[in-house]
N, C-alpha and C. Protein backbone atom coordinates (compact mmCIF):
# COMPACT_ATOMS: atom_id res chain seq x y z
N MET A 1 67.92 66.69 62.59
CA MET A 1 68.29 67.31 63.87
C MET A 1 68.78 66.27 64.87
N GLN A 2 68.29 65.03 64.77
CA GLN A 2 68.70 63.93 65.65
C GLN A 2 68.27 64.16 67.10
N VAL A 3 68.94 65.10 67.79
CA VAL A 3 68.64 65.34 69.20
C VAL A 3 68.99 66.77 69.53
N LEU A 4 68.29 67.35 70.50
CA LEU A 4 68.56 68.72 70.95
C LEU A 4 68.67 68.71 72.47
N LYS A 5 69.74 69.30 72.99
CA LYS A 5 69.97 69.35 74.44
C LYS A 5 70.04 70.80 74.89
N LEU A 6 69.10 71.21 75.74
CA LEU A 6 69.09 72.56 76.29
C LEU A 6 70.21 72.66 77.34
N ALA A 7 71.10 73.64 77.16
CA ALA A 7 72.26 73.77 78.05
C ALA A 7 72.06 74.79 79.15
N GLY A 8 71.18 75.76 78.96
CA GLY A 8 70.97 76.76 79.99
C GLY A 8 70.16 77.92 79.48
N VAL A 9 69.78 78.78 80.42
CA VAL A 9 68.95 79.93 80.10
C VAL A 9 69.50 81.16 80.81
N ASP A 10 69.58 82.28 80.08
CA ASP A 10 69.96 83.56 80.67
C ASP A 10 68.81 84.54 80.53
N ARG A 11 68.44 85.18 81.62
CA ARG A 11 67.40 86.19 81.54
C ARG A 11 68.01 87.52 81.11
N ILE A 12 67.40 88.19 80.16
CA ILE A 12 67.89 89.46 79.67
C ILE A 12 66.80 90.51 79.81
N ARG A 13 67.10 91.73 79.43
CA ARG A 13 66.17 92.84 79.62
C ARG A 13 64.83 92.62 78.92
N GLY A 14 63.80 93.23 79.49
CA GLY A 14 62.49 93.19 78.86
C GLY A 14 61.74 91.88 79.03
N GLY A 15 62.15 91.06 79.97
CA GLY A 15 61.47 89.79 80.19
C GLY A 15 61.82 88.72 79.19
N ASN A 16 62.82 88.97 78.33
CA ASN A 16 63.24 87.97 77.35
C ASN A 16 64.24 87.01 77.97
N MET A 17 64.43 85.88 77.31
CA MET A 17 65.40 84.88 77.74
C MET A 17 66.27 84.45 76.56
N ARG A 18 67.54 84.18 76.88
CA ARG A 18 68.45 83.67 75.86
C ARG A 18 68.69 82.18 76.14
N LEU A 19 68.47 81.33 75.15
CA LEU A 19 68.62 79.89 75.30
C LEU A 19 69.97 79.42 74.76
N PHE A 20 70.59 78.51 75.47
CA PHE A 20 71.83 77.88 75.01
C PHE A 20 71.53 76.40 74.80
N PHE A 21 71.91 75.86 73.65
CA PHE A 21 71.58 74.47 73.38
C PHE A 21 72.60 73.84 72.43
N TYR A 22 72.62 72.51 72.46
CA TYR A 22 73.45 71.70 71.56
C TYR A 22 72.51 70.90 70.66
N VAL A 23 72.92 70.74 69.41
CA VAL A 23 72.09 70.03 68.43
C VAL A 23 72.92 68.99 67.69
N GLY A 24 72.31 67.83 67.42
CA GLY A 24 72.93 66.82 66.57
C GLY A 24 74.24 66.29 67.12
N THR A 25 75.28 66.26 66.30
CA THR A 25 76.57 65.68 66.70
C THR A 25 77.22 66.47 67.84
N ARG A 26 76.86 67.73 67.99
CA ARG A 26 77.45 68.53 69.07
C ARG A 26 77.01 68.02 70.45
N VAL A 27 75.86 67.39 70.51
CA VAL A 27 75.42 66.78 71.77
C VAL A 27 76.37 65.66 72.15
N ARG A 28 76.70 64.80 71.19
CA ARG A 28 77.63 63.70 71.45
C ARG A 28 79.02 64.22 71.83
N GLU A 29 79.50 65.25 71.13
CA GLU A 29 80.82 65.81 71.43
C GLU A 29 80.85 66.41 72.83
N TYR A 30 79.76 67.08 73.19
CA TYR A 30 79.68 67.67 74.53
C TYR A 30 79.67 66.58 75.60
N ALA A 31 78.93 65.49 75.34
CA ALA A 31 78.87 64.38 76.29
C ALA A 31 80.23 63.72 76.47
N GLU A 32 80.96 63.54 75.36
CA GLU A 32 82.29 62.93 75.43
C GLU A 32 83.25 63.81 76.21
N ALA A 33 83.20 65.14 75.95
CA ALA A 33 84.08 66.06 76.68
C ALA A 33 83.74 66.07 78.17
N SER A 34 82.45 65.97 78.48
CA SER A 34 82.02 65.95 79.89
C SER A 34 82.52 64.71 80.60
N LEU A 35 82.49 63.55 79.93
CA LEU A 35 82.97 62.31 80.52
C LEU A 35 84.47 62.37 80.79
N VAL A 36 85.21 62.93 79.83
CA VAL A 36 86.66 63.09 80.02
C VAL A 36 86.94 64.00 81.21
N ARG A 37 86.20 65.08 81.30
CA ARG A 37 86.37 66.02 82.41
C ARG A 37 86.01 65.37 83.74
N ASP A 38 84.95 64.57 83.76
CA ASP A 38 84.53 63.88 84.99
C ASP A 38 85.61 62.92 85.47
N ARG A 39 86.20 62.18 84.53
CA ARG A 39 87.24 61.21 84.89
C ARG A 39 88.47 61.92 85.47
N ARG A 40 88.82 63.03 84.84
CA ARG A 40 89.99 63.77 85.33
C ARG A 40 89.73 64.34 86.72
N LEU A 41 88.56 64.93 86.92
CA LEU A 41 88.22 65.48 88.23
C LEU A 41 88.12 64.39 89.29
N ALA A 42 87.64 63.21 88.89
CA ALA A 42 87.54 62.09 89.84
C ALA A 42 88.92 61.73 90.36
N GLY A 43 89.93 61.79 89.48
CA GLY A 43 91.30 61.49 89.91
C GLY A 43 91.87 62.58 90.79
N LEU A 44 91.61 63.85 90.43
CA LEU A 44 92.14 64.97 91.19
C LEU A 44 91.49 65.10 92.56
N LEU A 45 90.19 64.84 92.62
CA LEU A 45 89.44 65.04 93.86
C LEU A 45 89.25 63.76 94.66
N SER A 46 89.63 62.63 94.06
CA SER A 46 89.49 61.32 94.72
C SER A 46 88.05 61.03 95.13
N CYS A 47 87.13 61.29 94.23
CA CYS A 47 85.72 61.03 94.51
C CYS A 47 84.98 60.86 93.18
N PRO A 48 83.82 60.19 93.19
CA PRO A 48 83.04 60.00 91.97
C PRO A 48 82.41 61.31 91.52
N PRO A 49 81.93 61.38 90.26
CA PRO A 49 81.34 62.61 89.72
C PRO A 49 80.23 63.21 90.58
N GLU A 50 79.39 62.37 91.17
CA GLU A 50 78.26 62.89 91.94
C GLU A 50 78.69 63.61 93.23
N SER A 51 79.97 63.42 93.65
CA SER A 51 80.46 64.06 94.88
C SER A 51 81.45 65.19 94.59
N GLN A 52 81.67 65.48 93.32
CA GLN A 52 82.71 66.45 92.97
C GLN A 52 82.39 67.88 93.42
N CYS A 53 81.15 68.30 93.32
CA CYS A 53 80.79 69.65 93.75
C CYS A 53 81.07 69.85 95.24
N GLU A 54 80.68 68.88 96.05
CA GLU A 54 80.92 68.97 97.49
C GLU A 54 82.41 68.99 97.79
N ALA A 55 83.19 68.20 97.03
CA ALA A 55 84.63 68.16 97.25
C ALA A 55 85.28 69.50 96.91
N VAL A 56 84.83 70.12 95.83
CA VAL A 56 85.36 71.44 95.46
C VAL A 56 84.99 72.48 96.50
N GLU A 57 83.77 72.44 97.01
CA GLU A 57 83.34 73.39 98.04
C GLU A 57 84.19 73.25 99.30
N ARG A 58 84.49 72.01 99.68
CA ARG A 58 85.35 71.78 100.86
C ARG A 58 86.75 72.33 100.62
N SER A 59 87.26 72.11 99.41
CA SER A 59 88.60 72.59 99.07
C SER A 59 88.67 74.10 99.11
N ILE A 60 87.65 74.77 98.59
CA ILE A 60 87.61 76.23 98.60
C ILE A 60 87.57 76.74 100.04
N LYS A 61 86.76 76.11 100.87
CA LYS A 61 86.64 76.51 102.27
C LYS A 61 87.97 76.35 103.01
N GLN A 62 88.66 75.22 102.76
CA GLN A 62 89.96 74.98 103.39
C GLN A 62 91.01 75.98 102.92
N THR A 63 90.96 76.33 101.63
CA THR A 63 91.91 77.30 101.09
C THR A 63 91.71 78.67 101.72
N LYS A 64 90.46 79.09 101.87
CA LYS A 64 90.16 80.37 102.49
C LYS A 64 90.64 80.40 103.94
N ALA A 65 90.44 79.29 104.66
CA ALA A 65 90.89 79.22 106.05
C ALA A 65 92.41 79.29 106.13
N SER A 66 93.09 78.61 105.20
CA SER A 66 94.56 78.62 105.19
C SER A 66 95.10 80.01 104.88
N LEU A 67 94.47 80.70 103.93
CA LEU A 67 94.90 82.05 103.58
C LEU A 67 94.68 83.01 104.74
N LYS A 68 93.59 82.83 105.46
CA LYS A 68 93.32 83.67 106.63
C LYS A 68 94.36 83.45 107.71
N ALA A 69 94.72 82.18 107.94
CA ALA A 69 95.74 81.87 108.95
C ALA A 69 97.09 82.41 108.53
N LEU A 70 97.41 82.30 107.23
CA LEU A 70 98.69 82.80 106.72
C LEU A 70 98.78 84.31 106.88
N LYS A 71 97.68 85.00 106.59
CA LYS A 71 97.65 86.45 106.74
C LYS A 71 97.88 86.86 108.19
N SER A 72 97.28 86.10 109.11
CA SER A 72 97.46 86.39 110.53
C SER A 72 98.91 86.18 110.96
N LEU A 73 99.52 85.09 110.50
CA LEU A 73 100.91 84.81 110.87
C LEU A 73 101.86 85.84 110.30
N ARG A 74 101.61 86.26 109.06
CA ARG A 74 102.45 87.30 108.46
C ARG A 74 102.31 88.61 109.23
N GLY A 75 101.09 88.89 109.70
CA GLY A 75 100.88 90.10 110.48
C GLY A 75 101.69 90.08 111.78
N GLN A 76 101.80 88.90 112.39
CA GLN A 76 102.60 88.77 113.61
C GLN A 76 104.09 88.85 113.31
N LEU A 77 104.48 88.43 112.09
CA LEU A 77 105.89 88.42 111.72
C LEU A 77 106.41 89.81 111.38
N VAL A 78 105.55 90.69 110.87
CA VAL A 78 105.97 92.02 110.42
C VAL A 78 106.76 92.79 111.47
N PRO A 79 106.24 93.01 112.69
CA PRO A 79 107.01 93.79 113.67
C PRO A 79 108.32 93.11 114.07
N LEU A 80 108.34 91.78 114.07
CA LEU A 80 109.58 91.08 114.42
C LEU A 80 110.66 91.33 113.37
N VAL A 81 110.28 91.24 112.10
CA VAL A 81 111.24 91.48 111.01
C VAL A 81 111.69 92.93 111.04
N ALA A 82 110.75 93.85 111.22
CA ALA A 82 111.09 95.27 111.23
C ALA A 82 112.07 95.60 112.36
N HIS A 83 111.85 95.04 113.54
CA HIS A 83 112.77 95.28 114.66
C HIS A 83 114.15 94.70 114.37
N ASP A 84 114.20 93.52 113.74
CA ASP A 84 115.47 92.91 113.40
C ASP A 84 116.23 93.78 112.40
N LEU A 85 115.54 94.29 111.39
CA LEU A 85 116.19 95.16 110.40
C LEU A 85 116.66 96.46 111.04
N ARG A 86 115.85 97.00 111.95
CA ARG A 86 116.26 98.22 112.65
C ARG A 86 117.53 97.98 113.45
N ASN A 87 117.61 96.82 114.13
CA ASN A 87 118.82 96.51 114.90
C ASN A 87 120.03 96.36 114.00
N GLN A 88 119.83 95.77 112.82
CA GLN A 88 120.94 95.65 111.86
C GLN A 88 121.44 97.02 111.42
N LEU A 89 120.51 97.93 111.19
CA LEU A 89 120.90 99.27 110.76
C LEU A 89 121.64 100.01 111.87
N VAL A 90 121.08 99.99 113.06
CA VAL A 90 121.67 100.73 114.18
C VAL A 90 123.06 100.19 114.53
N ALA A 91 123.24 98.87 114.40
CA ALA A 91 124.52 98.25 114.75
C ALA A 91 125.66 98.72 113.87
N GLN A 92 125.35 99.30 112.73
CA GLN A 92 126.39 99.75 111.80
C GLN A 92 126.99 101.09 112.19
N GLY A 93 126.44 101.75 113.20
CA GLY A 93 126.98 103.03 113.66
C GLY A 93 126.49 104.19 112.81
N VAL A 94 126.92 105.39 113.18
CA VAL A 94 126.45 106.61 112.51
C VAL A 94 127.51 107.24 111.62
N SER A 95 128.65 106.59 111.46
CA SER A 95 129.74 107.18 110.69
C SER A 95 129.51 107.09 109.19
N ARG A 96 128.61 106.19 108.75
CA ARG A 96 128.33 106.06 107.32
C ARG A 96 126.86 105.70 107.14
N ARG A 97 126.42 105.66 105.89
CA ARG A 97 125.03 105.32 105.62
C ARG A 97 124.74 103.88 106.04
N GLN A 98 123.70 103.70 106.82
CA GLN A 98 123.32 102.38 107.29
C GLN A 98 122.41 101.73 106.23
N THR A 99 122.74 100.51 105.84
CA THR A 99 121.97 99.84 104.78
C THR A 99 121.66 98.40 105.15
N THR A 100 120.57 97.90 104.61
CA THR A 100 120.22 96.50 104.81
C THR A 100 119.34 96.02 103.66
N VAL A 101 119.44 94.73 103.34
CA VAL A 101 118.63 94.11 102.29
C VAL A 101 117.96 92.88 102.91
N TYR A 102 116.65 92.81 102.77
CA TYR A 102 115.90 91.68 103.33
C TYR A 102 115.07 91.04 102.22
N HIS A 103 115.14 89.71 102.11
CA HIS A 103 114.40 88.99 101.08
C HIS A 103 113.61 87.85 101.72
N CYS A 104 112.29 87.89 101.59
CA CYS A 104 111.41 86.82 102.07
C CYS A 104 110.81 86.12 100.86
N GLU A 105 111.27 84.91 100.59
CA GLU A 105 110.82 84.19 99.40
C GLU A 105 109.36 83.77 99.49
N ASP A 106 108.82 83.63 100.68
CA ASP A 106 107.42 83.21 100.86
C ASP A 106 106.48 84.39 101.09
N GLY A 107 106.99 85.60 100.99
CA GLY A 107 106.17 86.77 101.26
C GLY A 107 105.39 87.23 100.04
N ASP A 108 104.62 88.30 100.23
CA ASP A 108 103.85 88.90 99.14
C ASP A 108 103.96 90.41 99.24
N GLY A 109 103.23 91.11 98.36
CA GLY A 109 103.30 92.56 98.34
C GLY A 109 102.89 93.23 99.64
N PRO A 110 101.72 92.88 100.20
CA PRO A 110 101.31 93.51 101.46
C PRO A 110 102.30 93.27 102.60
N PHE A 111 102.92 92.09 102.61
CA PHE A 111 103.90 91.80 103.67
C PHE A 111 105.11 92.73 103.53
N ALA A 112 105.66 92.85 102.32
CA ALA A 112 106.81 93.71 102.09
C ALA A 112 106.48 95.16 102.42
N SER A 113 105.31 95.61 102.01
CA SER A 113 104.90 96.98 102.28
C SER A 113 104.74 97.23 103.77
N SER A 114 104.18 96.26 104.49
CA SER A 114 103.99 96.41 105.93
C SER A 114 105.32 96.46 106.67
N VAL A 115 106.27 95.61 106.26
CA VAL A 115 107.59 95.63 106.88
C VAL A 115 108.26 96.98 106.65
N GLY A 116 108.16 97.50 105.42
CA GLY A 116 108.75 98.79 105.11
C GLY A 116 108.15 99.91 105.94
N SER A 117 106.84 99.92 106.08
CA SER A 117 106.16 100.95 106.86
C SER A 117 106.53 100.87 108.33
N GLU A 118 106.59 99.64 108.86
CA GLU A 118 106.93 99.46 110.28
C GLU A 118 108.38 99.87 110.54
N LEU A 119 109.28 99.54 109.61
CA LEU A 119 110.68 99.91 109.76
C LEU A 119 110.83 101.44 109.73
N ALA A 120 110.11 102.10 108.84
CA ALA A 120 110.18 103.56 108.75
C ALA A 120 109.74 104.20 110.07
N LYS A 121 108.71 103.64 110.72
CA LYS A 121 108.27 104.16 112.01
C LYS A 121 109.35 103.99 113.07
N LEU A 122 110.00 102.82 113.06
CA LEU A 122 111.03 102.55 114.06
C LEU A 122 112.26 103.44 113.87
N MET A 123 112.54 103.81 112.61
CA MET A 123 113.73 104.61 112.32
C MET A 123 113.44 106.11 112.33
N MET A 124 112.22 106.47 112.62
CA MET A 124 111.85 107.89 112.65
C MET A 124 112.68 108.62 113.71
N GLY A 125 113.30 109.69 113.31
CA GLY A 125 114.13 110.46 114.23
C GLY A 125 115.56 109.98 114.33
N ALA A 126 115.94 109.01 113.48
CA ALA A 126 117.32 108.51 113.51
C ALA A 126 118.29 109.62 113.12
N ASN A 127 119.47 109.63 113.75
CA ASN A 127 120.45 110.69 113.51
C ASN A 127 121.31 110.45 112.28
N SER A 128 121.29 109.24 111.75
CA SER A 128 122.14 108.93 110.60
C SER A 128 121.28 108.61 109.37
N GLU A 129 121.94 108.64 108.21
CA GLU A 129 121.27 108.28 106.97
C GLU A 129 121.11 106.77 106.91
N TRP A 130 119.93 106.29 106.51
CA TRP A 130 119.70 104.85 106.44
C TRP A 130 118.89 104.51 105.19
N LEU A 131 119.02 103.25 104.77
CA LEU A 131 118.36 102.79 103.55
C LEU A 131 118.11 101.29 103.64
N ALA A 132 116.91 100.84 103.28
CA ALA A 132 116.58 99.42 103.34
C ALA A 132 115.82 98.99 102.10
N VAL A 133 116.17 97.81 101.59
CA VAL A 133 115.48 97.19 100.46
C VAL A 133 114.80 95.93 100.97
N ILE A 134 113.50 95.81 100.73
CA ILE A 134 112.72 94.66 101.19
C ILE A 134 112.07 94.00 99.98
N ALA A 135 112.36 92.72 99.79
CA ALA A 135 111.85 91.98 98.64
C ALA A 135 111.01 90.80 99.10
N SER A 136 109.91 90.53 98.39
CA SER A 136 109.04 89.40 98.70
C SER A 136 108.73 88.65 97.41
N GLY A 137 109.09 87.35 97.38
CA GLY A 137 108.84 86.55 96.19
C GLY A 137 110.01 85.64 95.91
N SER A 138 109.81 84.66 95.03
CA SER A 138 110.86 83.69 94.73
C SER A 138 112.00 84.33 93.95
N LYS A 139 113.17 83.73 94.03
CA LYS A 139 114.33 84.26 93.31
C LYS A 139 114.10 84.25 91.81
N SER A 140 113.48 83.20 91.30
CA SER A 140 113.32 83.06 89.85
C SER A 140 112.20 83.91 89.29
N ASP A 141 111.09 84.04 90.02
CA ASP A 141 109.91 84.75 89.50
C ASP A 141 109.79 86.18 90.00
N GLY A 142 110.61 86.57 90.98
CA GLY A 142 110.54 87.92 91.50
C GLY A 142 109.27 88.17 92.29
N GLY A 143 108.92 89.45 92.43
CA GLY A 143 107.73 89.79 93.19
C GLY A 143 107.77 91.24 93.65
N ALA A 144 107.28 91.47 94.86
CA ALA A 144 107.17 92.83 95.39
C ALA A 144 108.53 93.35 95.85
N LEU A 145 108.72 94.66 95.67
CA LEU A 145 109.97 95.30 96.03
C LEU A 145 109.64 96.62 96.72
N VAL A 146 110.23 96.83 97.91
CA VAL A 146 109.99 98.05 98.66
C VAL A 146 111.33 98.64 99.06
N VAL A 147 111.50 99.94 98.83
CA VAL A 147 112.73 100.64 99.23
C VAL A 147 112.32 101.79 100.14
N VAL A 148 112.85 101.80 101.36
CA VAL A 148 112.56 102.87 102.31
C VAL A 148 113.87 103.44 102.81
N GLY A 149 113.85 104.70 103.19
CA GLY A 149 115.07 105.33 103.67
C GLY A 149 114.82 106.73 104.18
N SER A 150 115.90 107.36 104.64
CA SER A 150 115.80 108.69 105.23
C SER A 150 115.93 109.79 104.20
N LYS A 151 116.42 109.47 102.98
CA LYS A 151 116.60 110.49 101.95
C LYS A 151 116.03 110.01 100.62
N GLU A 152 115.27 110.90 99.97
CA GLU A 152 114.68 110.56 98.68
C GLU A 152 115.76 110.26 97.64
N ALA A 153 116.86 111.00 97.68
CA ALA A 153 117.93 110.80 96.71
C ALA A 153 118.53 109.40 96.83
N SER A 154 118.68 108.93 98.05
CA SER A 154 119.24 107.59 98.28
C SER A 154 118.28 106.52 97.78
N ILE A 155 116.98 106.74 97.97
CA ILE A 155 115.98 105.78 97.49
C ILE A 155 116.00 105.71 95.97
N THR A 156 116.08 106.87 95.32
CA THR A 156 116.14 106.92 93.85
C THR A 156 117.39 106.20 93.35
N GLU A 157 118.50 106.42 94.01
CA GLU A 157 119.75 105.76 93.62
C GLU A 157 119.64 104.25 93.78
N ALA A 158 119.01 103.82 94.87
CA ALA A 158 118.85 102.38 95.11
C ALA A 158 117.99 101.74 94.03
N VAL A 159 116.90 102.41 93.63
CA VAL A 159 116.03 101.88 92.58
C VAL A 159 116.80 101.77 91.26
N GLU A 160 117.65 102.75 90.97
CA GLU A 160 118.46 102.71 89.75
C GLU A 160 119.41 101.51 89.78
N ARG A 161 120.03 101.27 90.92
CA ARG A 161 120.94 100.12 91.05
C ARG A 161 120.18 98.80 90.94
N LEU A 162 118.99 98.76 91.51
CA LEU A 162 118.16 97.56 91.42
C LEU A 162 117.77 97.28 89.97
N THR A 163 117.47 98.32 89.22
CA THR A 163 117.10 98.16 87.82
C THR A 163 118.26 97.62 87.01
N LEU A 164 119.47 98.12 87.27
CA LEU A 164 120.66 97.62 86.56
C LEU A 164 120.93 96.16 86.91
N LEU A 165 120.65 95.78 88.14
CA LEU A 165 120.96 94.44 88.62
C LEU A 165 119.88 93.42 88.31
N LEU A 166 118.61 93.81 88.47
CA LEU A 166 117.48 92.87 88.35
C LEU A 166 116.71 93.01 87.05
N GLY A 167 116.94 94.09 86.32
CA GLY A 167 116.11 94.37 85.16
C GLY A 167 115.08 95.41 85.53
N PRO A 168 114.16 95.75 84.61
CA PRO A 168 113.16 96.79 84.87
C PRO A 168 112.39 96.58 86.17
N CYS A 169 112.38 97.59 87.02
CA CYS A 169 111.62 97.56 88.27
C CYS A 169 110.51 98.60 88.16
N LYS A 170 109.28 98.14 88.03
CA LYS A 170 108.15 99.04 87.82
C LYS A 170 107.51 99.40 89.16
N GLY A 171 107.32 100.70 89.36
CA GLY A 171 106.69 101.13 90.59
C GLY A 171 106.82 102.63 90.76
N GLY A 172 106.65 103.08 91.97
CA GLY A 172 106.76 104.50 92.26
C GLY A 172 106.50 104.76 93.73
N GLY A 173 106.63 106.01 94.12
CA GLY A 173 106.39 106.34 95.51
C GLY A 173 106.91 107.71 95.87
N SER A 174 106.74 108.06 97.13
CA SER A 174 107.20 109.34 97.66
C SER A 174 107.18 109.27 99.17
N HIS A 175 107.61 110.37 99.80
CA HIS A 175 107.61 110.48 101.27
C HIS A 175 108.39 109.33 101.91
N GLY A 176 109.57 109.07 101.40
CA GLY A 176 110.46 108.11 102.04
C GLY A 176 110.22 106.66 101.72
N ALA A 177 109.45 106.36 100.68
CA ALA A 177 109.20 104.96 100.33
C ALA A 177 108.94 104.81 98.84
N TRP A 178 109.46 103.74 98.26
CA TRP A 178 109.20 103.36 96.86
C TRP A 178 108.69 101.93 96.87
N ARG A 179 107.60 101.68 96.14
CA ARG A 179 107.01 100.35 96.08
C ARG A 179 106.83 99.94 94.63
N GLY A 180 107.24 98.72 94.31
CA GLY A 180 107.11 98.25 92.94
C GLY A 180 107.29 96.76 92.83
N LYS A 181 107.69 96.31 91.64
CA LYS A 181 107.87 94.89 91.37
C LYS A 181 109.11 94.66 90.53
N ALA A 182 109.68 93.48 90.69
CA ALA A 182 110.82 93.05 89.88
C ALA A 182 110.52 91.67 89.34
N ALA A 183 111.04 91.36 88.14
CA ALA A 183 110.75 90.09 87.49
C ALA A 183 111.60 88.95 88.04
N SER A 184 112.68 89.27 88.75
CA SER A 184 113.56 88.24 89.29
C SER A 184 114.38 88.81 90.44
N PHE A 185 114.67 87.96 91.43
CA PHE A 185 115.54 88.35 92.54
C PHE A 185 116.83 87.53 92.55
N ALA A 186 117.15 86.90 91.43
CA ALA A 186 118.30 86.01 91.36
C ALA A 186 119.61 86.73 91.69
N GLN A 187 119.71 88.01 91.34
CA GLN A 187 120.94 88.76 91.57
C GLN A 187 120.85 89.71 92.76
N LEU A 188 119.79 89.60 93.54
CA LEU A 188 119.59 90.56 94.62
C LEU A 188 120.72 90.54 95.64
N SER A 189 121.29 89.38 95.90
CA SER A 189 122.35 89.28 96.91
C SER A 189 123.59 90.08 96.52
N LYS A 190 123.70 90.48 95.25
CA LYS A 190 124.86 91.25 94.79
C LYS A 190 124.65 92.75 94.90
N LEU A 191 123.50 93.16 95.39
CA LEU A 191 123.18 94.58 95.46
C LEU A 191 124.11 95.30 96.43
N ASP A 192 124.70 96.40 95.96
CA ASP A 192 125.59 97.23 96.78
C ASP A 192 124.89 98.57 97.03
N LEU A 193 124.50 98.81 98.25
CA LEU A 193 123.82 100.04 98.60
C LEU A 193 124.75 101.08 99.21
N SER A 194 125.94 100.67 99.55
CA SER A 194 126.84 101.56 100.26
C SER A 194 127.63 102.47 99.33
N GLY A 195 127.80 102.02 98.08
CA GLY A 195 128.65 102.79 97.16
C GLY A 195 130.11 102.49 97.38
N GLN A 196 130.40 101.51 98.28
CA GLN A 196 131.78 101.16 98.57
C GLN A 196 132.13 99.78 98.05
N SER A 197 131.48 98.76 98.61
CA SER A 197 131.77 97.39 98.19
C SER A 197 130.53 96.55 98.44
N PRO A 198 130.38 95.43 97.71
CA PRO A 198 129.21 94.57 97.90
C PRO A 198 129.08 94.04 99.31
N ALA A 199 130.18 94.04 100.06
CA ALA A 199 130.15 93.50 101.42
C ALA A 199 129.58 94.49 102.41
N ALA A 200 129.52 95.75 102.03
CA ALA A 200 129.02 96.77 102.95
C ALA A 200 127.55 96.56 103.21
N GLY A 201 127.09 97.04 104.36
CA GLY A 201 125.68 96.82 104.70
C GLY A 201 125.47 95.40 105.16
N SER A 202 124.22 94.98 105.24
CA SER A 202 123.91 93.63 105.67
C SER A 202 122.80 93.08 104.82
N SER A 203 122.69 91.77 104.77
CA SER A 203 121.67 91.13 103.97
C SER A 203 121.12 89.93 104.71
N SER A 204 119.82 89.75 104.68
CA SER A 204 119.21 88.59 105.34
C SER A 204 118.15 88.00 104.44
N VAL A 205 118.02 86.68 104.47
CA VAL A 205 117.05 85.99 103.66
C VAL A 205 116.26 85.06 104.55
N ILE A 206 114.95 85.03 104.36
CA ILE A 206 114.12 84.11 105.16
C ILE A 206 113.34 83.22 104.21
């Protein structure tokens, strides 16, 4: 047997315990793997093994604080973006369907959904037909996709065009909004929502 190293204990039903242990050569292999892991973590965290747990805890705390701040900033950005998109739509006049495409490479699903919802509120009661596509995510990896508009038929048509242009777009929706995902936004700038020419409508990228 050479040596036995107890690795941990799990309590299970009925007052029993499950033991985890290493025996013989597996103890040496586990020790070698642990040393390799310690050296790698020491380089990544810039601290010795005995301080690694504290360093990871600090990193987790900082990440949570950064995510909280980012969420707050995105929340402040939503109404600004929605008002800008509304102005783009209104500026096109009422003689034809008003369209706009917005792509935020640093955004996420909740951000795109919030912009779409806010824009729909601002456009409530509009006298003309309007349609907006809101995308969040990198051009290469894609991400969240939101389509909002005044007519369900126009939204369905837009999703079909997006699928032809970007590949399969998985999602669904109703009541003036479609929410889903696309695997890439590389061709999004070529999207034609007007049915006339790619230049029709407006497009903005942040």
